[in-house]
Amino acid sequence: MYTSAVFAILVVIAIVIVALAIKIIPQANAGVVERLGKYHRTLEPGLNLIFPGIDKLRPLVDLREKVVSFPPQPVITEDNLVVNIDTVIYFQVTNAKSATYEIENYIQGIEQLVVTTLRNSVGGLDLEKALTSRDHINAVLRGVLDEATSKWGVRVNRVEIKAIEPPPSVQESMEKQMRADRDKRAAILTAEGEKQSQILSAEGARQADILRAEGEAQAAVIRAEGEATAIAKVFSAIHAANPDEKVLAYKYLEQLPAIANGTASKIWVIPAELSGAAASIMKAFRAPTD
């Protein structure tokens, strides 16, 4: 019975030792193993074995890409204006050993590098250049971070500036300037529209005058042609009838009332021929005498 108890104890101890010796590392993680307090090896994802009591597994290192947004940092520009710059960093641990032993806290180290690099790069730019040089600032940040973090086993993939906020007084001035620019562009567009409208109206009026003049000219030509035709027909009819001077004198007298109805007619001028014509008419209507 004593032997059975010892055997059971040994089995339990063996199970515990095996359980402590088996280490399962999740995907996208790495485990740093220290043997007697000294770095021994890095465990890859999957099933791994260590010696309990001799080996010690440090906290797992996440190898996935991380995104860290740092709080806005006050930076003084070349023209002595304080701007707040908000940045975001995309980085990834590539060497678990270096990330564990080369620096105590690589995230804090990256943040301090970002702050100092921003102050150095933006401090040499005025506000206008700082607002329009984000790509240049990003490139400078990434270059400095790559050089500094490579020995930490960290690779910086991207650096982005989310916002550059000028002082409130400067923002108000910028808003006024942008509003003035918008009003100026609107006034220019309005003036251009009115100019085009006036041009189109003038062109339309000119075309209308041309068409009206052409129509009146054609109408005058048609009236003149009609009058000429009528005169020619009357003239032909008169010649065909071969009227004598008595008939002509009578038609002349028929037109006298029409001449008298004119408002501008104040003085009548009777030609000498009219007297002769009147005499001829009187002779024609006088009764013959024996």
C-alpha atoms as a PDB file:
ATOM      1  CA  MET A   1       0.000   0.000   0.000  1.00  0.00           C
ATOM      2  CA  TYR A   2       2.898   2.327   0.766  1.00  0.00           C
ATOM      3  CA  THR A   3       4.384   1.570  -2.640  1.00  0.00           C
ATOM      4  CA  SER A   4       1.119   2.449  -4.370  1.00  0.00           C
ATOM      5  CA  ALA A   5       0.957   5.805  -2.596  1.00  0.00           C
ATOM      6  CA  VAL A   6       4.518   6.679  -3.608  1.00  0.00           C
ATOM      7  CA  PHE A   7       3.801   5.647  -7.181  1.00  0.00           C
ATOM      8  CA  ALA A   8       0.698   7.822  -7.246  1.00  0.00           C
ATOM      9  CA  ILE A   9       2.661  10.777  -5.907  1.00  0.00           C
ATOM     10  CA  LEU A  10       5.334  10.297  -8.558  1.00  0.00           C
ATOM     11  CA  VAL A  11       2.704  10.116 -11.272  1.00  0.00           C
ATOM     12  CA  VAL A  12       1.142  13.359 -10.061  1.00  0.00           C
ATOM     13  CA  ILE A  13       4.570  15.038  -9.943  1.00  0.00           C
ATOM     14  CA  ALA A  14       5.336  13.825 -13.452  1.00  0.00           C
ATOM     15  CA  ILE A  15       2.010  15.156 -14.732  1.00  0.00           C
ATOM     16  CA  VAL A  16       2.677  18.528 -13.132  1.00  0.00           C
ATOM     17  CA  ILE A  17       6.208  18.654 -14.576  1.00  0.00           C
ATOM     18  CA  VAL A  18       4.943  17.779 -18.045  1.00  0.00           C
ATOM     19  CA  ALA A  19       2.186  20.375 -17.756  1.00  0.00           C
ATOM     20  CA  LEU A  20       4.708  23.008 -16.758  1.00  0.00           C
ATOM     21  CA  ALA A  21       7.098  21.924 -19.501  1.00  0.00           C
ATOM     22  CA  ILE A  22       4.539  22.215 -22.309  1.00  0.00           C
ATOM     23  CA  LYS A  23       4.064  25.727 -23.614  1.00  0.00           C
ATOM     24  CA  ILE A  24       1.652  26.520 -26.447  1.00  0.00           C
ATOM     25  CA  ILE A  25       2.419  29.814 -28.167  1.00  0.00           C
ATOM     26  CA  PRO A  26      -0.522  31.413 -30.063  1.00  0.00           C
ATOM     27  CA  GLN A  27      -0.167  32.547 -33.657  1.00  0.00           C
ATOM     28  CA  ALA A  28       1.411  36.017 -34.202  1.00  0.00           C
ATOM     29  CA  ASN A  29       3.120  35.826 -30.817  1.00  0.00           C
ATOM     30  CA  ALA A  30       6.603  34.981 -29.627  1.00  0.00           C
ATOM     31  CA  GLY A  31       7.865  33.823 -26.244  1.00  0.00           C
ATOM     32  CA  VAL A  32      11.262  34.711 -24.806  1.00  0.00           C
ATOM     33  CA  VAL A  33      12.753  31.952 -22.599  1.00  0.00           C
ATOM     34  CA  GLU A  34      15.374  32.668 -19.963  1.00  0.00           C
ATOM     35  CA  ARG A  35      17.460  29.845 -18.530  1.00  0.00           C
ATOM     36  CA  LEU A  36      18.793  30.591 -15.085  1.00  0.00           C
ATOM     37  CA  GLY A  37      18.111  34.306 -15.660  1.00  0.00           C
ATOM     38  CA  LYS A  38      19.863  34.510 -19.028  1.00  0.00           C
ATOM     39  CA  TYR A  39      18.300  34.670 -22.492  1.00  0.00           C
ATOM     40  CA  HIS A  40      18.107  31.174 -23.917  1.00  0.00           C
ATOM     41  CA  ARG A  41      15.806  31.143 -26.968  1.00  0.00           C
ATOM     42  CA  THR A  42      12.635  32.515 -28.552  1.00  0.00           C
ATOM     43  CA  LEU A  43       9.637  30.212 -28.810  1.00  0.00           C
ATOM     44  CA  GLU A  44       7.759  30.146 -32.101  1.00  0.00           C
ATOM     45  CA  PRO A  45       3.959  29.745 -32.389  1.00  0.00           C
ATOM     46  CA  GLY A  46       2.840  26.185 -31.668  1.00  0.00           C
ATOM     47  CA  LEU A  47       3.836  23.491 -29.159  1.00  0.00           C
ATOM     48  CA  ASN A  48       7.102  24.055 -27.269  1.00  0.00           C
ATOM     49  CA  LEU A  49       8.879  22.378 -24.351  1.00  0.00           C
ATOM     50  CA  ILE A  50      10.909  23.983 -21.585  1.00  0.00           C
ATOM     51  CA  PHE A  51      12.540  22.741 -18.415  1.00  0.00           C
ATOM     52  CA  PRO A  52      10.428  23.750 -15.403  1.00  0.00           C
ATOM     53  CA  GLY A  53      12.394  25.370 -12.646  1.00  0.00           C
ATOM     54  CA  ILE A  54      15.318  26.087 -14.952  1.00  0.00           C
ATOM     55  CA  ASP A  55      13.629  27.880 -17.812  1.00  0.00           C
ATOM     56  CA  LYS A  56      11.337  30.851 -17.392  1.00  0.00           C
ATOM     57  CA  LEU A  57       8.940  32.107 -20.047  1.00  0.00           C
ATOM     58  CA  ARG A  58       8.593  35.876 -20.105  1.00  0.00           C
ATOM     59  CA  PRO A  59       5.288  37.540 -21.113  1.00  0.00           C
ATOM     60  CA  LEU A  60       4.440  36.899 -24.745  1.00  0.00           C
ATOM     61  CA  VAL A  61       5.349  39.521 -27.341  1.00  0.00           C
ATOM     62  CA  ASP A  62       2.640  40.429 -29.849  1.00  0.00           C
ATOM     63  CA  LEU A  63       4.066  40.438 -33.391  1.00  0.00           C
ATOM     64  CA  ARG A  64       1.014  41.975 -35.070  1.00  0.00           C
ATOM     65  CA  GLU A  65       1.029  45.500 -36.410  1.00  0.00           C
ATOM     66  CA  LYS A  66      -0.110  48.014 -33.820  1.00  0.00           C
ATOM     67  CA  VAL A  67      -1.697  51.419 -34.202  1.00  0.00           C
ATOM     68  CA  VAL A  68      -0.940  53.985 -31.522  1.00  0.00           C
ATOM     69  CA  SER A  69      -2.423  57.493 -31.518  1.00  0.00           C
ATOM     70  CA  PHE A  70      -0.427  59.917 -29.419  1.00  0.00           C
ATOM     71  CA  PRO A  71      -2.060  62.928 -27.748  1.00  0.00           C
ATOM     72  CA  PRO A  72      -1.615  66.334 -29.417  1.00  0.00           C
ATOM     73  CA  GLN A  73       1.839  67.775 -28.862  1.00  0.00           C
ATOM     74  CA  PRO A  74       2.465  71.546 -28.643  1.00  0.00           C
ATOM     75  CA  VAL A  75       5.134  72.626 -31.138  1.00  0.00           C
ATOM     76  CA  ILE A  76       6.511  76.131 -31.718  1.00  0.00           C
ATOM     77  CA  THR A  77       6.890  77.079 -35.384  1.00  0.00           C
ATOM     78  CA  GLU A  78       9.556  79.313 -36.872  1.00  0.00           C
ATOM     79  CA  ASP A  79       7.232  82.337 -36.686  1.00  0.00           C
ATOM     80  CA  ASN A  80       6.710  81.744 -32.918  1.00  0.00           C
ATOM     81  CA  LEU A  81       3.224  80.256 -33.103  1.00  0.00           C
ATOM     82  CA  VAL A  82       2.226  77.289 -30.944  1.00  0.00           C
ATOM     83  CA  VAL A  83       0.463  74.542 -32.894  1.00  0.00           C
ATOM     84  CA  ASN A  84      -0.890  71.246 -31.588  1.00  0.00           C
ATOM     85  CA  ILE A  85       0.055  68.268 -33.759  1.00  0.00           C
ATOM     86  CA  ASP A  86      -1.824  64.993 -33.457  1.00  0.00           C
ATOM     87  CA  THR A  87       0.013  61.923 -34.804  1.00  0.00           C
ATOM     88  CA  VAL A  88      -0.671  58.227 -35.295  1.00  0.00           C
ATOM     89  CA  ILE A  89       2.011  55.535 -35.651  1.00  0.00           C
ATOM     90  CA  TYR A  90       1.747  52.108 -37.326  1.00  0.00           C
ATOM     91  CA  PHE A  91       4.510  49.790 -36.124  1.00  0.00           C
ATOM     92  CA  GLN A  92       5.298  46.109 -35.689  1.00  0.00           C
ATOM     93  CA  VAL A  93       7.663  44.093 -33.486  1.00  0.00           C
ATOM     94  CA  THR A  94      10.037  42.087 -35.672  1.00  0.00           C
ATOM     95  CA  ASN A  95      12.453  40.805 -33.029  1.00  0.00           C
ATOM     96  CA  ALA A  96      11.007  39.680 -29.707  1.00  0.00           C
ATOM     97  CA  LYS A  97      14.435  39.429 -28.050  1.00  0.00           C
ATOM     98  CA  SER A  98      15.409  43.033 -28.903  1.00  0.00           C
ATOM     99  CA  ALA A  99      11.982  44.372 -27.959  1.00  0.00           C
ATOM    100  CA  THR A 100      12.354  42.665 -24.565  1.00  0.00           C
ATOM    101  CA  TYR A 101      15.950  43.502 -23.668  1.00  0.00           C
ATOM    102  CA  GLU A 102      16.968  46.587 -25.673  1.00  0.00           C
ATOM    103  CA  ILE A 103      14.349  48.962 -24.230  1.00  0.00           C
ATOM    104  CA  GLU A 104      12.070  48.886 -21.249  1.00  0.00           C
ATOM    105  CA  ASN A 105       8.958  50.283 -22.990  1.00  0.00           C
ATOM    106  CA  TYR A 106       9.242  50.669 -26.751  1.00  0.00           C
ATOM    107  CA  ILE A 107       5.834  52.396 -27.072  1.00  0.00           C
ATOM    108  CA  GLN A 108       6.920  55.134 -24.689  1.00  0.00           C
ATOM    109  CA  GLY A 109      10.250  55.369 -26.495  1.00  0.00           C
ATOM    110  CA  ILE A 110       8.475  55.819 -29.844  1.00  0.00           C
ATOM    111  CA  GLU A 111       6.257  58.527 -28.366  1.00  0.00           C
ATOM    112  CA  GLN A 112       9.225  60.506 -27.080  1.00  0.00           C
ATOM    113  CA  LEU A 113      10.979  60.165 -30.430  1.00  0.00           C
ATOM    114  CA  VAL A 114       7.879  61.492 -32.198  1.00  0.00           C
ATOM    115  CA  VAL A 115       7.692  64.503 -29.876  1.00  0.00           C
ATOM    116  CA  THR A 116      11.353  65.472 -30.264  1.00  0.00           C
ATOM    117  CA  THR A 117      11.358  64.899 -34.027  1.00  0.00           C
ATOM    118  CA  LEU A 118       8.209  66.991 -34.475  1.00  0.00           C
ATOM    119  CA  ARG A 119       9.707  69.855 -32.529  1.00  0.00           C
ATOM    120  CA  ASN A 120      12.911  69.722 -34.562  1.00  0.00           C
ATOM    121  CA  SER A 121      11.255  69.443 -37.987  1.00  0.00           C
ATOM    122  CA  VAL A 122       8.287  71.773 -37.469  1.00  0.00           C
ATOM    123  CA  GLY A 123      10.401  74.288 -35.517  1.00  0.00           C
ATOM    124  CA  GLY A 124      12.214  75.149 -38.753  1.00  0.00           C
ATOM    125  CA  LEU A 125       8.984  75.837 -40.680  1.00  0.00           C
ATOM    126  CA  ASP A 126       6.555  78.712 -40.507  1.00  0.00           C
ATOM    127  CA  LEU A 127       2.854  78.047 -39.985  1.00  0.00           C
ATOM    128  CA  GLU A 128       1.907  78.116 -43.668  1.00  0.00           C
ATOM    129  CA  LYS A 129       4.645  75.650 -44.631  1.00  0.00           C
ATOM    130  CA  ALA A 130       3.819  73.426 -41.669  1.00  0.00           C
ATOM    131  CA  LEU A 131       0.191  73.221 -42.761  1.00  0.00           C
ATOM    132  CA  THR A 132       1.131  72.325 -46.344  1.00  0.00           C
ATOM    133  CA  SER A 133       4.142  70.071 -45.680  1.00  0.00           C
ATOM    134  CA  ARG A 134       2.559  67.050 -44.031  1.00  0.00           C
ATOM    135  CA  ASP A 135       4.183  64.609 -46.421  1.00  0.00           C
ATOM    136  CA  HIS A 136       7.606  66.105 -45.712  1.00  0.00           C
ATOM    137  CA  ILE A 137       7.043  65.917 -41.936  1.00  0.00           C
ATOM    138  CA  ASN A 138       5.801  62.326 -42.228  1.00  0.00           C
ATOM    139  CA  ALA A 139       8.907  61.351 -44.211  1.00  0.00           C
ATOM    140  CA  VAL A 140      11.208  62.973 -41.632  1.00  0.00           C
ATOM    141  CA  LEU A 141       9.414  61.222 -38.768  1.00  0.00           C
ATOM    142  CA  ARG A 142       9.570  57.833 -40.430  1.00  0.00           C
ATOM    143  CA  GLY A 143      13.275  58.191 -41.243  1.00  0.00           C
ATOM    144  CA  VAL A 144      14.187  59.099 -37.670  1.00  0.00           C
ATOM    145  CA  LEU A 145      11.939  56.415 -36.162  1.00  0.00           C
ATOM    146  CA  ASP A 146      13.253  53.692 -38.483  1.00  0.00           C
ATOM    147  CA  GLU A 147      16.830  54.478 -37.557  1.00  0.00           C
ATOM    148  CA  ALA A 148      16.129  54.577 -33.806  1.00  0.00           C
ATOM    149  CA  THR A 149      13.684  51.693 -33.485  1.00  0.00           C
ATOM    150  CA  SER A 150      15.558  49.170 -35.631  1.00  0.00           C
ATOM    151  CA  LYS A 151      17.823  48.272 -32.688  1.00  0.00           C
ATOM    152  CA  TRP A 152      14.713  47.796 -30.531  1.00  0.00           C
ATOM    153  CA  GLY A 153      13.404  45.100 -32.858  1.00  0.00           C
ATOM    154  CA  VAL A 154      10.558  47.381 -33.979  1.00  0.00           C
ATOM    155  CA  ARG A 155       9.705  48.422 -37.542  1.00  0.00           C
ATOM    156  CA  VAL A 156       7.721  51.616 -38.139  1.00  0.00           C
ATOM    157  CA  ASN A 157       5.468  51.051 -41.149  1.00  0.00           C
ATOM    158  CA  ARG A 158       3.635  54.371 -41.357  1.00  0.00           C
ATOM    159  CA  VAL A 159       3.570  57.742 -39.652  1.00  0.00           C
ATOM    160  CA  GLU A 160       0.571  59.993 -40.194  1.00  0.00           C
ATOM    161  CA  ILE A 161      -0.226  63.492 -38.927  1.00  0.00           C
ATOM    162  CA  LYS A 162      -3.932  63.532 -38.191  1.00  0.00           C
ATOM    163  CA  ALA A 163      -4.290  67.226 -37.443  1.00  0.00           C
ATOM    164  CA  ILE A 164      -2.316  70.435 -37.089  1.00  0.00           C
ATOM    165  CA  GLU A 165      -4.282  72.929 -35.017  1.00  0.00           C
ATOM    166  CA  PRO A 166      -3.104  76.569 -35.036  1.00  0.00           C
ATOM    167  CA  PRO A 167      -3.936  78.938 -32.152  1.00  0.00           C
ATOM    168  CA  PRO A 168      -7.578  80.104 -31.938  1.00  0.00           C
ATOM    169  CA  SER A 169      -6.692  83.650 -33.034  1.00  0.00           C
ATOM    170  CA  VAL A 170      -4.902  82.323 -36.100  1.00  0.00           C
ATOM    171  CA  GLN A 171      -7.794  79.986 -36.889  1.00  0.00           C
ATOM    172  CA  GLU A 172     -10.189  82.934 -36.754  1.00  0.00           C
ATOM    173  CA  SER A 173      -7.967  84.940 -39.099  1.00  0.00           C
ATOM    174  CA  MET A 174      -7.693  81.984 -41.474  1.00  0.00           C
ATOM    175  CA  GLU A 175     -11.470  81.538 -41.468  1.00  0.00           C
ATOM    176  CA  LYS A 176     -11.947  85.244 -42.274  1.00  0.00           C
ATOM    177  CA  GLN A 177      -9.439  84.981 -45.104  1.00  0.00           C
ATOM    178  CA  MET A 178     -11.109  81.872 -46.507  1.00  0.00           C
ATOM    179  CA  ARG A 179     -14.507  83.544 -46.214  1.00  0.00           C
ATOM    180  CA  ALA A 180     -13.176  86.613 -48.027  1.00  0.00           C
ATOM    181  CA  ASP A 181     -11.730  84.378 -50.746  1.00  0.00           C
ATOM    182  CA  ARG A 182     -15.049  82.589 -51.132  1.00  0.00           C
ATOM    183  CA  ASP A 183     -16.917  85.916 -51.331  1.00  0.00           C
ATOM    184  CA  LYS A 184     -14.406  87.157 -53.902  1.00  0.00           C
ATOM    185  CA  ARG A 185     -14.824  84.048 -56.045  1.00  0.00           C
ATOM    186  CA  ALA A 186     -18.616  84.342 -55.746  1.00  0.00           C
ATOM    187  CA  ALA A 187     -18.505  87.998 -56.814  1.00  0.00           C
ATOM    188  CA  ILE A 188     -16.278  87.121 -59.762  1.00  0.00           C
ATOM    189  CA  LEU A 189     -18.608  84.327 -60.835  1.00  0.00           C
ATOM    190  CA  THR A 190     -21.624  86.631 -60.473  1.00  0.00           C
ATOM    191  CA  ALA A 191     -19.940  89.353 -62.540  1.00  0.00           C
ATOM    192  CA  GLU A 192     -18.957  86.810 -65.176  1.00  0.00           C
ATOM    193  CA  GLY A 193     -22.533  85.545 -65.267  1.00  0.00           C
ATOM    194  CA  GLU A 194     -23.935  89.043 -65.640  1.00  0.00           C
ATOM    195  CA  LYS A 195     -21.376  89.816 -68.346  1.00  0.00           C
ATOM    196  CA  GLN A 196     -22.303  86.701 -70.294  1.00  0.00           C
ATOM    197  CA  SER A 197     -25.989  87.505 -69.829  1.00  0.00           C
ATOM    198  CA  GLN A 198     -25.507  91.034 -71.174  1.00  0.00           C
ATOM    199  CA  ILE A 199     -23.462  89.728 -74.081  1.00  0.00           C
ATOM    200  CA  LEU A 200     -26.121  87.180 -74.936  1.00  0.00           C
ATOM    201  CA  SER A 201     -28.881  89.806 -74.574  1.00  0.00           C
ATOM    202  CA  ALA A 202     -27.009  92.245 -76.821  1.00  0.00           C
ATOM    203  CA  GLU A 203     -26.334  89.524 -79.347  1.00  0.00           C
ATOM    204  CA  GLY A 204     -29.993  88.525 -79.279  1.00  0.00           C
ATOM    205  CA  ALA A 205     -31.101  92.149 -79.733  1.00  0.00           C
ATOM    206  CA  ARG A 206     -28.638  92.589 -82.600  1.00  0.00           C
ATOM    207  CA  GLN A 207     -29.883  89.450 -84.305  1.00  0.00           C
ATOM    208  CA  ALA A 208     -33.482  90.609 -83.777  1.00  0.00           C
ATOM    209  CA  ASP A 209     -32.696  94.044 -85.284  1.00  0.00           C
ATOM    210  CA  ILE A 210     -30.996  92.383 -88.246  1.00  0.00           C
ATOM    211  CA  LEU A 211     -33.924  90.054 -88.822  1.00  0.00           C
ATOM    212  CA  ARG A 212     -36.408  92.923 -88.400  1.00  0.00           C
ATOM    213  CA  ALA A 213     -34.474  95.136 -90.828  1.00  0.00           C
ATOM    214  CA  GLU A 214     -34.241  92.287 -93.310  1.00  0.00           C
ATOM    215  CA  GLY A 215     -37.975  91.689 -92.957  1.00  0.00           C
ATOM    216  CA  GLU A 216     -38.798  95.381 -93.447  1.00  0.00           C
ATOM    217  CA  ALA A 217     -36.484  95.554 -96.475  1.00  0.00           C
ATOM    218  CA  GLN A 218     -38.122  92.512 -98.006  1.00  0.00           C
ATOM    219  CA  ALA A 219     -41.577  93.971 -97.255  1.00  0.00           C
ATOM    220  CA  ALA A 220     -40.586  97.293 -98.831  1.00  0.00           C
ATOM    221  CA  VAL A 221     -39.299  95.484-101.906  1.00  0.00           C
ATOM    222  CA  ILE A 222     -42.496  93.481-102.143  1.00  0.00           C
ATOM    223  CA  ARG A 223     -44.645  96.635-101.711  1.00  0.00           C
ATOM    224  CA  ALA A 224     -42.590  98.500-104.301  1.00  0.00           C
ATOM    225  CA  GLU A 225     -42.897  95.598-106.696  1.00  0.00           C
ATOM    226  CA  GLY A 226     -46.667  95.480-106.061  1.00  0.00           C
ATOM    227  CA  GLU A 227     -47.041  99.215-106.585  1.00  0.00           C
ATOM    228  CA  ALA A 228     -44.946  99.064-109.728  1.00  0.00           C
ATOM    229  CA  THR A 229     -47.058  96.220-111.026  1.00  0.00           C
ATOM    230  CA  ALA A 230     -50.271  98.090-110.185  1.00  0.00           C
ATOM    231  CA  ILE A 231     -49.026 101.286-111.839  1.00  0.00           C
ATOM    232  CA  ALA A 232     -47.974  99.311-114.897  1.00  0.00           C
ATOM    233  CA  LYS A 233     -51.387  97.678-115.101  1.00  0.00           C
ATOM    234  CA  VAL A 234     -53.230 100.993-114.687  1.00  0.00           C
ATOM    235  CA  PHE A 235     -50.979 102.654-117.210  1.00  0.00           C
ATOM    236  CA  SER A 236     -51.565  99.801-119.651  1.00  0.00           C
ATOM    237  CA  ALA A 237     -55.332  99.967-119.063  1.00  0.00           C
ATOM    238  CA  ILE A 238     -55.395 103.726-119.603  1.00  0.00           C
ATOM    239  CA  HIS A 239     -53.448 103.450-122.820  1.00  0.00           C
ATOM    240  CA  ALA A 240     -55.591 100.555-123.942  1.00  0.00           C
ATOM    241  CA  ALA A 241     -58.761 102.630-123.357  1.00  0.00           C
ATOM    242  CA  ASN A 242     -57.262 105.614-125.230  1.00  0.00           C
ATOM    243  CA  PRO A 243     -59.162 108.228-123.147  1.00  0.00           C
ATOM    244  CA  ASP A 244     -59.586 111.731-124.461  1.00  0.00           C
ATOM    245  CA  GLU A 245     -58.803 114.920-122.539  1.00  0.00           C
ATOM    246  CA  LYS A 246     -62.361 115.228-121.315  1.00  0.00           C
ATOM    247  CA  VAL A 247     -62.174 111.937-119.383  1.00  0.00           C
ATOM    248  CA  LEU A 248     -58.797 112.851-117.932  1.00  0.00           C
ATOM    249  CA  ALA A 249     -60.144 116.218-116.831  1.00  0.00           C
ATOM    250  CA  TYR A 250     -63.089 114.550-115.134  1.00  0.00           C
ATOM    251  CA  LYS A 251     -60.830 112.104-113.204  1.00  0.00           C
ATOM    252  CA  TYR A 252     -58.694 115.062-112.202  1.00  0.00           C
ATOM    253  CA  LEU A 253     -61.699 116.811-110.727  1.00  0.00           C
ATOM    254  CA  GLU A 254     -62.674 113.627-108.811  1.00  0.00           C
ATOM    255  CA  GLN A 255     -59.405 113.800-106.850  1.00  0.00           C
ATOM    256  CA  LEU A 256     -59.989 117.391-105.677  1.00  0.00           C
ATOM    257  CA  PRO A 257     -62.124 116.364-102.608  1.00  0.00           C
ATOM    258  CA  ALA A 258     -59.376 113.960-101.489  1.00  0.00           C
ATOM    259  CA  ILE A 259     -56.837 116.757-101.771  1.00  0.00           C
ATOM    260  CA  ALA A 260     -59.115 119.096 -99.833  1.00  0.00           C
ATOM    261  CA  ASN A 261     -59.477 116.615 -96.913  1.00  0.00           C
ATOM    262  CA  GLY A 262     -55.792 116.852 -96.045  1.00  0.00           C
ATOM    263  CA  THR A 263     -55.189 118.622 -92.710  1.00  0.00           C
ATOM    264  CA  ALA A 264     -52.022 120.225 -94.014  1.00  0.00           C
ATOM    265  CA  SER A 265     -53.687 121.667 -97.062  1.00  0.00           C
ATOM    266  CA  LYS A 266     -54.061 125.406 -96.495  1.00  0.00           C
ATOM    267  CA  ILE A 267     -53.483 126.797 -99.999  1.00  0.00           C
ATOM    268  CA  TRP A 268     -54.682 125.203-103.209  1.00  0.00           C
ATOM    269  CA  VAL A 269     -52.616 125.568-106.314  1.00  0.00           C
ATOM    270  CA  ILE A 270     -54.730 124.893-109.384  1.00  0.00           C
ATOM    271  CA  PRO A 271     -52.698 124.299-112.502  1.00  0.00           C
ATOM    272  CA  ALA A 272     -53.507 126.152-115.679  1.00  0.00           C
ATOM    273  CA  GLU A 273     -54.331 122.907-117.383  1.00  0.00           C
ATOM    274  CA  LEU A 274     -57.173 122.417-114.906  1.00  0.00           C
ATOM    275  CA  SER A 275     -58.908 125.547-116.206  1.00  0.00           C
ATOM    276  CA  GLY A 276     -58.668 124.314-119.735  1.00  0.00           C
ATOM    277  CA  ALA A 277     -59.919 120.901-118.657  1.00  0.00           C
ATOM    278  CA  ALA A 278     -62.836 122.475-116.826  1.00  0.00           C
ATOM    279  CA  ALA A 279     -63.715 124.479-119.883  1.00  0.00           C
ATOM    280  CA  SER A 280     -63.640 121.336-122.002  1.00  0.00           C
ATOM    281  CA  ILE A 281     -65.959 119.610-119.568  1.00  0.00           C
ATOM    282  CA  MET A 282     -68.368 122.540-119.623  1.00  0.00           C
ATOM    283  CA  LYS A 283     -68.413 122.387-123.357  1.00  0.00           C
ATOM    284  CA  ALA A 284     -69.108 118.704-123.317  1.00  0.00           C
ATOM    285  CA  PHE A 285     -72.089 119.038-120.995  1.00  0.00           C
ATOM    286  CA  ARG A 286     -73.502 122.246-122.599  1.00  0.00           C
ATOM    287  CA  ALA A 287     -76.607 121.615-124.664  1.00  0.00           C
ATOM    288  CA  PRO A 288     -76.087 122.067-128.415  1.00  0.00           C
ATOM    289  CA  THR A 289     -77.741 125.175-129.925  1.00  0.00           C
ATOM    290  CA  ASP A 290     -79.200 125.571-133.308  1.00  0.00           C
END
